[in-house]
Each structure stands twice: as structure tokens, then as C-alpha cells.
PDB file of N, CA and C in Angstrom:
ATOM      1  N   MET A   1      14.193   0.757  16.097  1.00  0.00           N
ATOM      2  CA  MET A   1      12.853   1.147  16.656  1.00  0.00           C
ATOM      3  C   MET A   1      12.323   1.385  14.876  1.00  0.00           C
ATOM      4  N   GLY A   2      10.964   1.388  14.977  1.00  0.00           N
ATOM      5  CA  GLY A   2      10.051   1.888  13.930  1.00  0.00           C
ATOM      6  C   GLY A   2       9.683   3.148  13.582  1.00  0.00           C
ATOM      7  N   GLU A   3       8.992   3.080  12.609  1.00  0.00           N
ATOM      8  CA  GLU A   3       8.497   4.691  12.132  1.00  0.00           C
ATOM      9  C   GLU A   3       7.199   4.990  12.983  1.00  0.00           C
ATOM     10  N   ARG A   4       7.246   6.229  13.147  1.00  0.00           N
ATOM     11  CA  ARG A   4       6.375   6.195  14.479  1.00  0.00           C
ATOM     12  C   ARG A   4       4.824   6.466  13.156  1.00  0.00           C
ATOM     13  N   LEU A   5       3.588   6.327  13.300  1.00  0.00           N
ATOM     14  CA  LEU A   5       2.678   6.696  12.599  1.00  0.00           C
ATOM     15  C   LEU A   5       1.932   7.976  12.808  1.00  0.00           C
ATOM     16  N   PRO A   6       1.488   8.343  11.710  1.00  0.00           N
ATOM     17  CA  PRO A   6       0.772  10.252  11.643  1.00  0.00           C
ATOM     18  C   PRO A   6      -0.001   9.997  12.921  1.00  0.00           C
ATOM     19  N   ALA A   7      -0.461  10.970  13.189  1.00  0.00           N
ATOM     20  CA  ALA A   7      -1.455  11.320  14.437  1.00  0.00           C
ATOM     21  C   ALA A   7      -2.595  10.855  13.907  1.00  0.00           C
ATOM     22  N   ASP A   8      -2.784  11.062  12.346  1.00  0.00           N
ATOM     23  CA  ASP A   8      -4.208  11.102  11.357  1.00  0.00           C
ATOM     24  C   ASP A   8      -4.473   9.624  10.980  1.00  0.00           C
ATOM     25  N   ALA A   9      -3.516   8.684  11.325  1.00  0.00           N
ATOM     26  CA  ALA A   9      -3.305   7.353  10.580  1.00  0.00           C
ATOM     27  C   ALA A   9      -4.656   6.585  10.814  1.00  0.00           C
ATOM     28  N   ARG A  10      -4.870   5.726   9.823  1.00  0.00           N
ATOM     29  CA  ARG A  10      -6.379   4.866  10.031  1.00  0.00           C
ATOM     30  C   ARG A  10      -5.884   3.677   9.477  1.00  0.00           C
ATOM     31  N   THR A  11      -6.385   2.740   8.823  1.00  0.00           N
ATOM     32  CA  THR A  11      -6.368   1.548   8.226  1.00  0.00           C
ATOM     33  C   THR A  11      -7.023   1.399   7.198  1.00  0.00           C
ATOM     34  N   ILE A  12      -6.098   1.444   6.184  1.00  0.00           N
ATOM     35  CA  ILE A  12      -7.110   0.681   4.862  1.00  0.00           C
ATOM     36  C   ILE A  12      -6.434  -0.201   4.362  1.00  0.00           C
ATOM     37  N   SER A  13      -7.526  -1.009   3.549  1.00  0.00           N
ATOM     38  CA  SER A  13      -7.471  -2.012   2.628  1.00  0.00           C
ATOM     39  C   SER A  13      -6.802  -1.823   1.097  1.00  0.00           C
ATOM     40  N   ILE A  14      -5.918  -2.555   0.266  1.00  0.00           N
ATOM     41  CA  ILE A  14      -5.640  -2.367  -0.506  1.00  0.00           C
ATOM     42  C   ILE A  14      -5.645  -3.816  -1.269  1.00  0.00           C
ATOM     43  N   PHE A  15      -6.381  -3.446  -2.494  1.00  0.00           N
ATOM     44  CA  PHE A  15      -6.686  -4.525  -3.521  1.00  0.00           C
ATOM     45  C   PHE A  15      -6.147  -4.833  -4.326  1.00  0.00           C
ATOM     46  N   CYS A  16      -5.787  -5.916  -5.149  1.00  0.00           N
ATOM     47  CA  CYS A  16      -5.555  -5.769  -6.893  1.00  0.00           C
ATOM     48  C   CYS A  16      -6.634  -5.411  -7.773  1.00  0.00           C
ATOM     49  N   ALA A  17      -6.476  -4.328  -8.515  1.00  0.00           N
ATOM     50  CA  ALA A  17      -7.723  -3.884  -9.828  1.00  0.00           C
ATOM     51  C   ALA A  17      -8.641  -4.670 -10.481  1.00  0.00           C
ATOM     52  N   ARG A  18      -7.333  -6.158 -10.865  1.00  0.00           N
ATOM     53  CA  ARG A  18      -7.598  -7.015 -12.073  1.00  0.00           C
ATOM     54  C   ARG A  18      -8.140  -8.338 -11.382  1.00  0.00           C
ATOM     55  N   CYS A  19      -8.073  -8.837 -10.091  1.00  0.00           N
ATOM     56  CA  CYS A  19      -8.752  -9.694  -9.806  1.00  0.00           C
ATOM     57  C   CYS A  19      -9.278  -9.421  -8.201  1.00  0.00           C
ATOM     58  N   ASN A  20      -9.206  -8.260  -7.538  1.00  0.00           N
ATOM     59  CA  ASN A  20      -9.994  -8.122  -6.236  1.00  0.00           C
ATOM     60  C   ASN A  20      -9.188  -8.660  -5.215  1.00  0.00           C
ATOM     61  N   GLN A  21      -7.929  -9.089  -5.135  1.00  0.00           N
ATOM     62  CA  GLN A  21      -7.195 -10.133  -4.468  1.00  0.00           C
ATOM     63  C   GLN A  21      -7.104  -8.881  -3.039  1.00  0.00           C
ATOM     64  N   LEU A  22      -7.223  -9.157  -1.851  1.00  0.00           N
ATOM     65  CA  LEU A  22      -6.623  -8.417  -0.505  1.00  0.00           C
ATOM     66  C   LEU A  22      -5.169  -8.480  -0.599  1.00  0.00           C
ATOM     67  N   LEU A  23      -4.571  -7.178  -1.012  1.00  0.00           N
ATOM     68  CA  LEU A  23      -2.970  -7.359  -0.501  1.00  0.00           C
ATOM     69  C   LEU A  23      -2.439  -6.727   0.650  1.00  0.00           C
ATOM     70  N   TYR A  24      -2.889  -5.903   1.033  1.00  0.00           N
ATOM     71  CA  TYR A  24      -2.297  -5.102   2.330  1.00  0.00           C
ATOM     72  C   TYR A  24      -3.555  -4.428   3.311  1.00  0.00           C
ATOM     73  N   LYS A  25      -3.128  -4.683   4.642  1.00  0.00           N
ATOM     74  CA  LYS A  25      -3.647  -3.841   5.690  1.00  0.00           C
ATOM     75  C   LYS A  25      -2.567  -2.842   5.719  1.00  0.00           C
ATOM     76  N   TYR A  26      -2.855  -1.357   5.743  1.00  0.00           N
ATOM     77  CA  TYR A  26      -2.006  -0.490   5.651  1.00  0.00           C
ATOM     78  C   TYR A  26      -2.174   0.587   6.429  1.00  0.00           C
ATOM     79  N   HIS A  27      -1.775   1.375   7.585  1.00  0.00           N
ATOM     80  CA  HIS A  27      -1.709   2.200   8.373  1.00  0.00           C
ATOM     81  C   HIS A  27      -1.208   3.539   7.389  1.00  0.00           C
ATOM     82  N   LYS A  28      -2.611   4.372   6.702  1.00  0.00           N
ATOM     83  CA  LYS A  28      -2.491   5.564   5.618  1.00  0.00           C
ATOM     84  C   LYS A  28      -2.431   6.809   6.477  1.00  0.00           C
ATOM     85  N   GLY A  29      -1.705   7.968   6.286  1.00  0.00           N
ATOM     86  CA  GLY A  29      -1.788   9.321   7.105  1.00  0.00           C
ATOM     87  C   GLY A  29      -1.710  10.161   5.949  1.00  0.00           C
ATOM     88  N   GLY A  30      -2.614  11.097   6.258  1.00  0.00           N
ATOM     89  CA  GLY A  30      -2.690  12.335   5.087  1.00  0.00           C
ATOM     90  C   GLY A  30      -4.183  11.816   4.804  1.00  0.00           C
ATOM     91  N   ALA A  31      -4.720  12.851   4.002  1.00  0.00           N
ATOM     92  CA  ALA A  31      -5.976  13.075   2.822  1.00  0.00           C
ATOM     93  C   ALA A  31      -5.465  12.495   1.489  1.00  0.00           C
ATOM     94  N   GLY A  32      -4.310  12.613   1.336  1.00  0.00           N
ATOM     95  CA  GLY A  32      -4.174  12.149  -0.361  1.00  0.00           C
ATOM     96  C   GLY A  32      -4.565  11.272  -0.696  1.00  0.00           C
ATOM     97  N   SER A  33      -4.189  10.687  -2.023  1.00  0.00           N
ATOM     98  CA  SER A  33      -4.303   9.356  -2.847  1.00  0.00           C
ATOM     99  C   SER A  33      -3.085   8.648  -2.320  1.00  0.00           C
ATOM    100  N   LEU A  34      -3.086   7.192  -2.525  1.00  0.00           N
ATOM    101  CA  LEU A  34      -2.458   6.194  -2.274  1.00  0.00           C
ATOM    102  C   LEU A  34      -1.152   6.243  -3.678  1.00  0.00           C
ATOM    103  N   VAL A  35      -0.014   6.886  -3.047  1.00  0.00           N
ATOM    104  CA  VAL A  35       0.659   7.186  -3.949  1.00  0.00           C
ATOM    105  C   VAL A  35       2.384   6.142  -3.967  1.00  0.00           C
ATOM    106  N   LYS A  36       2.379   5.718  -2.371  1.00  0.00           N
ATOM    107  CA  LYS A  36       3.766   4.976  -2.260  1.00  0.00           C
ATOM    108  C   LYS A  36       3.395   4.175  -0.753  1.00  0.00           C
ATOM    109  N   ILE A  37       3.850   3.185  -0.733  1.00  0.00           N
ATOM    110  CA  ILE A  37       3.688   2.107   0.142  1.00  0.00           C
ATOM    111  C   ILE A  37       4.741   2.050   0.996  1.00  0.00           C
ATOM    112  N   ARG A  38       4.747   2.592   2.807  1.00  0.00           N
ATOM    113  CA  ARG A  38       5.927   2.205   3.143  1.00  0.00           C
ATOM    114  C   ARG A  38       6.044   1.080   3.810  1.00  0.00           C
ATOM    115  N   PRO A  39       7.101   0.344   3.593  1.00  0.00           N
ATOM    116  CA  PRO A  39       6.882  -0.974   4.132  1.00  0.00           C
ATOM    117  C   PRO A  39       6.618  -1.054   6.043  1.00  0.00           C
ATOM    118  N   GLN A  40       7.308  -0.019   6.937  1.00  0.00           N
ATOM    119  CA  GLN A  40       6.999   0.025   8.184  1.00  0.00           C
ATOM    120  C   GLN A  40       5.488  -0.046   8.739  1.00  0.00           C
ATOM    121  N   ARG A  41       4.845   0.660   7.467  1.00  0.00           N
ATOM    122  CA  ARG A  41       3.381   0.580   7.891  1.00  0.00           C
ATOM    123  C   ARG A  41       2.539  -0.202   7.405  1.00  0.00           C
ATOM    124  N   ILE A  42       2.814  -1.295   7.056  1.00  0.00           N
ATOM    125  CA  ILE A  42       2.038  -2.627   6.911  1.00  0.00           C
ATOM    126  C   ILE A  42       1.732  -3.335   7.758  1.00  0.00           C
ATOM    127  N   ALA A  43       0.316  -3.117   7.926  1.00  0.00           N
ATOM    128  CA  ALA A  43      -0.024  -3.938   9.308  1.00  0.00           C
ATOM    129  C   ALA A  43      -0.461  -5.421   8.916  1.00  0.00           C
ATOM    130  N   GLU A  44      -0.926  -5.987   7.898  1.00  0.00           N
ATOM    131  CA  GLU A  44      -1.173  -7.517   7.212  1.00  0.00           C
ATOM    132  C   GLU A  44      -0.243  -7.651   5.820  1.00  0.00           C
ATOM    133  N   ASP A  45       0.217  -8.133   5.167  1.00  0.00           N
ATOM    134  CA  ASP A  45       0.948  -8.997   3.979  1.00  0.00           C
ATOM    135  C   ASP A  45       0.381 -10.016   3.667  1.00  0.00           C
ATOM    136  N   HIS A  46      -0.542 -10.168   2.279  1.00  0.00           N
ATOM    137  CA  HIS A  46      -0.812 -10.887   2.021  1.00  0.00           C
ATOM    138  C   HIS A  46      -0.230 -11.323   0.739  1.00  0.00           C
ATOM    139  N   THR A  47       0.583 -10.855   0.588  1.00  0.00           N
ATOM    140  CA  THR A  47       1.549 -10.812  -0.807  1.00  0.00           C
ATOM    141  C   THR A  47       2.913 -11.712  -0.650  1.00  0.00           C
ATOM    142  N   GLY A  48       2.915 -11.861   0.720  1.00  0.00           N
ATOM    143  CA  GLY A  48       4.221 -12.728   0.439  1.00  0.00           C
ATOM    144  C   GLY A  48       5.662 -12.117   0.315  1.00  0.00           C
ATOM    145  N   GLY A  49       5.420 -11.078   0.666  1.00  0.00           N
ATOM    146  CA  GLY A  49       6.773  -9.978   0.226  1.00  0.00           C
ATOM    147  C   GLY A  49       7.188  -9.137  -1.159  1.00  0.00           C
ATOM    148  N   ALA A  50       6.625  -9.905  -2.151  1.00  0.00           N
ATOM    149  CA  ALA A  50       6.663  -9.773  -3.605  1.00  0.00           C
ATOM    150  C   ALA A  50       5.839  -8.521  -3.643  1.00  0.00           C
ATOM    151  N   LEU A  51       6.171  -8.197  -4.649  1.00  0.00           N
ATOM    152  CA  LEU A  51       5.290  -6.857  -5.438  1.00  0.00           C
ATOM    153  C   LEU A  51       4.174  -6.952  -6.525  1.00  0.00           C
ATOM    154  N   ASP A  52       4.221  -8.704  -6.536  1.00  0.00           N
ATOM    155  CA  ASP A  52       3.194  -9.136  -7.647  1.00  0.00           C
ATOM    156  C   ASP A  52       2.095  -9.383  -6.717  1.00  0.00           C
ATOM    157  N   CYS A  53       0.729  -9.376  -7.374  1.00  0.00           N
ATOM    158  CA  CYS A  53      -0.212  -9.899  -7.142  1.00  0.00           C
ATOM    159  C   CYS A  53      -0.212 -11.522  -7.142  1.00  0.00           C
ATOM    160  N   PRO A  54      -0.740 -12.242  -5.912  1.00  0.00           N
ATOM    161  CA  PRO A  54      -0.195 -13.719  -5.834  1.00  0.00           C
ATOM    162  C   PRO A  54      -1.359 -14.381  -6.438  1.00  0.00           C
ATOM    163  N   LYS A  55      -2.575 -13.890  -6.757  1.00  0.00           N
ATOM    164  CA  LYS A  55      -3.907 -14.395  -7.613  1.00  0.00           C
ATOM    165  C   LYS A  55      -3.565 -14.057  -8.749  1.00  0.00           C
ATOM    166  N   CYS A  56      -3.452 -13.109  -9.391  1.00  0.00           N
ATOM    167  CA  CYS A  56      -3.174 -12.869 -11.183  1.00  0.00           C
ATOM    168  C   CYS A  56      -1.650 -12.723 -11.475  1.00  0.00           C
ATOM    169  N   GLY A  57      -0.674 -12.390 -10.630  1.00  0.00           N
ATOM    170  CA  GLY A  57       0.335 -12.058 -11.203  1.00  0.00           C
ATOM    171  C   GLY A  57       1.101 -10.767 -11.495  1.00  0.00           C
ATOM    172  N   GLN A  58      -0.043  -9.777 -11.214  1.00  0.00           N
ATOM    173  CA  GLN A  58       0.347  -8.813 -11.812  1.00  0.00           C
ATOM    174  C   GLN A  58       1.402  -7.715 -10.934  1.00  0.00           C
ATOM    175  N   THR A  59       1.927  -6.438 -11.269  1.00  0.00           N
ATOM    176  CA  THR A  59       2.896  -6.114 -11.006  1.00  0.00           C
ATOM    177  C   THR A  59       2.216  -4.897 -10.577  1.00  0.00           C
ATOM    178  N   PHE A  60       2.262  -4.763  -9.200  1.00  0.00           N
ATOM    179  CA  PHE A  60       1.410  -3.515  -8.870  1.00  0.00           C
ATOM    180  C   PHE A  60       2.125  -2.133  -7.994  1.00  0.00           C
ATOM    181  N   ALA A  61       3.434  -2.335  -7.954  1.00  0.00           N
ATOM    182  CA  ALA A  61       4.370  -1.529  -7.544  1.00  0.00           C
ATOM    183  C   ALA A  61       5.745  -2.003  -7.733  1.00  0.00           C
ATOM    184  N   ARG A  62       6.681  -0.586  -7.639  1.00  0.00           N
ATOM    185  CA  ARG A  62       8.444  -1.051  -7.525  1.00  0.00           C
ATOM    186  C   ARG A  62       8.772  -0.162  -6.661  1.00  0.00           C
ATOM    187  N   GLU A  63      10.339  -1.397  -6.247  1.00  0.00           N
ATOM    188  CA  GLU A  63      10.694  -0.507  -5.061  1.00  0.00           C
ATOM    189  C   GLU A  63      11.355   0.814  -5.745  1.00  0.00           C
ATOM    190  N   ARG A  64      11.584   1.459  -4.514  1.00  0.00           N
ATOM    191  CA  ARG A  64      11.904   2.567  -4.395  1.00  0.00           C
ATOM    192  C   ARG A  64      12.826   3.565  -3.335  1.00  0.00           C
ATOM    193  N   SER A  65      13.618   3.969  -3.384  1.00  0.00           N
ATOM    194  CA  SER A  65      13.996   4.978  -2.126  1.00  0.00           C
ATOM    195  C   SER A  65      13.505   6.320  -2.031  1.00  0.00           C
ATOM    196  N   ILE A  66      12.731   6.341  -1.436  1.00  0.00           N
ATOM    197  CA  ILE A  66      11.576   7.776  -1.259  1.00  0.00           C
ATOM    198  C   ILE A  66      12.014   8.701   0.010  1.00  0.00           C
ATOM    199  N   GLY A  67      12.733   9.482   0.130  1.00  0.00           N
ATOM    200  CA  GLY A  67      13.100  10.460   1.315  1.00  0.00           C
ATOM    201  C   GLY A  67      13.885   9.608   2.437  1.00  0.00           C
ATOM    202  N   GLY A  68      14.777   9.079   1.748  1.00  0.00           N
ATOM    203  CA  GLY A  68      15.738   8.650   2.408  1.00  0.00           C
ATOM    204  C   GLY A  68      15.310   7.283   2.827  1.00  0.00           C
ATOM    205  N   GLY A  69      13.938   6.363   2.720  1.00  0.00           N
ATOM    206  CA  GLY A  69      13.941   5.127   2.952  1.00  0.00           C
ATOM    207  C   GLY A  69      13.237   4.430   1.833  1.00  0.00           C
ATOM    208  N   PRO A  70      13.144   3.223   2.439  1.00  0.00           N
ATOM    209  CA  PRO A  70      12.203   2.216   1.476  1.00  0.00           C
ATOM    210  C   PRO A  70      10.973   2.583   1.477  1.00  0.00           C
ATOM    211  N   ALA A  71      10.750   2.352  -0.282  1.00  0.00           N
ATOM    212  CA  ALA A  71       9.002   2.416  -0.161  1.00  0.00           C
ATOM    213  C   ALA A  71       8.468   1.498  -1.607  1.00  0.00           C
ATOM    214  N   PHE A  72       7.676   1.257  -1.856  1.00  0.00           N
ATOM    215  CA  PHE A  72       6.949   0.785  -2.910  1.00  0.00           C
ATOM    216  C   PHE A  72       6.224   1.887  -3.975  1.00  0.00           C
ATOM    217  N   LYS A  73       6.660   2.160  -4.824  1.00  0.00           N
ATOM    218  CA  LYS A  73       5.682   3.340  -5.622  1.00  0.00           C
ATOM    219  C   LYS A  73       5.062   2.500  -6.735  1.00  0.00           C
ATOM    220  N   VAL A  74       3.438   3.112  -6.334  1.00  0.00           N
ATOM    221  CA  VAL A  74       2.113   2.591  -6.564  1.00  0.00           C
ATOM    222  C   VAL A  74       2.437   2.675  -8.194  1.00  0.00           C
ATOM    223  N   ILE A  75       2.299   1.740  -8.952  1.00  0.00           N
ATOM    224  CA  ILE A  75       1.488   1.943 -10.526  1.00  0.00           C
ATOM    225  C   ILE A  75       0.300   2.378 -10.788  1.00  0.00           C
ATOM    226  N   GLY A  76       0.037   3.301 -11.673  1.00  0.00           N
ATOM    227  CA  GLY A  76      -1.155   3.939 -11.380  1.00  0.00           C
ATOM    228  C   GLY A  76      -2.219   2.930 -12.217  1.00  0.00           C
ATOM    229  N   GLY A  77      -3.441   2.466 -11.451  1.00  0.00           N
ATOM    230  CA  GLY A  77      -4.580   2.000 -12.018  1.00  0.00           C
ATOM    231  C   GLY A  77      -4.294   0.547 -11.559  1.00  0.00           C
ATOM    232  N   LYS A  78      -3.207  -0.623 -10.632  1.00  0.00           N
ATOM    233  CA  LYS A  78      -3.004  -1.558 -10.654  1.00  0.00           C
ATOM    234  C   LYS A  78      -3.677  -1.951  -9.300  1.00  0.00           C
ATOM    235  N   LEU A  79      -4.055  -0.519  -8.104  1.00  0.00           N
ATOM    236  CA  LEU A  79      -4.891  -0.999  -7.208  1.00  0.00           C
ATOM    237  C   LEU A  79      -6.031  -0.214  -6.770  1.00  0.00           C
ATOM    238  N   TYR A  80      -6.740  -0.580  -6.007  1.00  0.00           N
ATOM    239  CA  TYR A  80      -7.984   0.126  -5.154  1.00  0.00           C
ATOM    240  C   TYR A  80      -7.956   0.005  -3.756  1.00  0.00           C
ATOM    241  N   THR A  81      -8.380   1.037  -3.310  1.00  0.00           N
ATOM    242  CA  THR A  81      -8.003   0.880  -2.041  1.00  0.00           C
ATOM    243  C   THR A  81     -10.087   1.051  -1.436  1.00  0.00           C
ATOM    244  N   ARG A  82      -9.891   0.652  -0.008  1.00  0.00           N
ATOM    245  CA  ARG A  82     -11.134   0.762   0.606  1.00  0.00           C
ATOM    246  C   ARG A  82     -10.618   1.246   2.357  1.00  0.00           C
ATOM    247  N   GLY A  83     -11.419   2.239   2.621  1.00  0.00           N
ATOM    248  CA  GLY A  83     -11.172   2.859   4.120  1.00  0.00           C
ATOM    249  C   GLY A  83     -10.667   4.192   3.613  1.00  0.00           C
ATOM    250  N   MET A  84     -10.119   4.604   2.843  1.00  0.00           N
ATOM    251  CA  MET A  84      -9.949   6.529   2.657  1.00  0.00           C
ATOM    252  C   MET A  84     -11.069   7.180   3.000  1.00  0.00           C
ATOM    253  N   ARG A  85     -10.778   8.128   3.394  1.00  0.00           N
ATOM    254  CA  ARG A  85     -11.705   9.447   3.785  1.00  0.00           C
ATOM    255  C   ARG A  85     -12.201   9.778   2.836  1.00  0.00           C
ATOM    256  N   ARG A  86     -13.291   9.954   2.819  1.00  0.00           N
ATOM    257  CA  ARG A  86     -14.098  10.928   0.954  1.00  0.00           C
ATOM    258  C   ARG A  86     -13.722  12.571   1.452  1.00  0.00           C
ATOM    259  N   LYS A  87     -13.713  13.039   0.149  1.00  0.00           N
ATOM    260  CA  LYS A  87     -13.647  14.649   0.240  1.00  0.00           C
ATOM    261  C   LYS A  87     -15.025  15.080   0.048  1.00  0.00           C
TER     262      LYS A  87
END
């Protein structure tokens, strides 16, 4: 059975900062910035499973085990998001 979504989860769009290519639609919980991407929370994957942008080839994350489960650790400045809450 998959990971439960947080009560405050919302869907955000994640884009490549270099070429503006849509990479993921992602169920994000919490008010903080995007630090890691949990594979179970990805709603739509436009990367084909790779951690490189399909358009420009830029690596935007690294695979890590965080909190006992798989996660993609975001490299600072390589992505931008739409749909995050404003402070």
C-alpha cells in the first residue's frame, strides 16, 4: 500500500530552471520549500524516470535514502515550482 498523503497536501508543478521544461506534478505537504521529492507522491512524471531534464540534460536531483525510504534530494537552483503557498 502506498504512502498516505498529508492532510495539507496540494499539487504543485516542478520545472527545470534552465529550460522551463515541466518535470513533475507532485503532491507536496507542508509549508516549507522543496528539499526532497518522494517518488510515491509524484502524480505525473515527465522525465521518464531519470533525474535529468529530458530537454536540456541538466541533473536536478540525486537519489538518497532519507527517513528510511527512497527520495530524490533536490540540487539547489536547478528547479522552480508553481503552486506553492505564499508566505
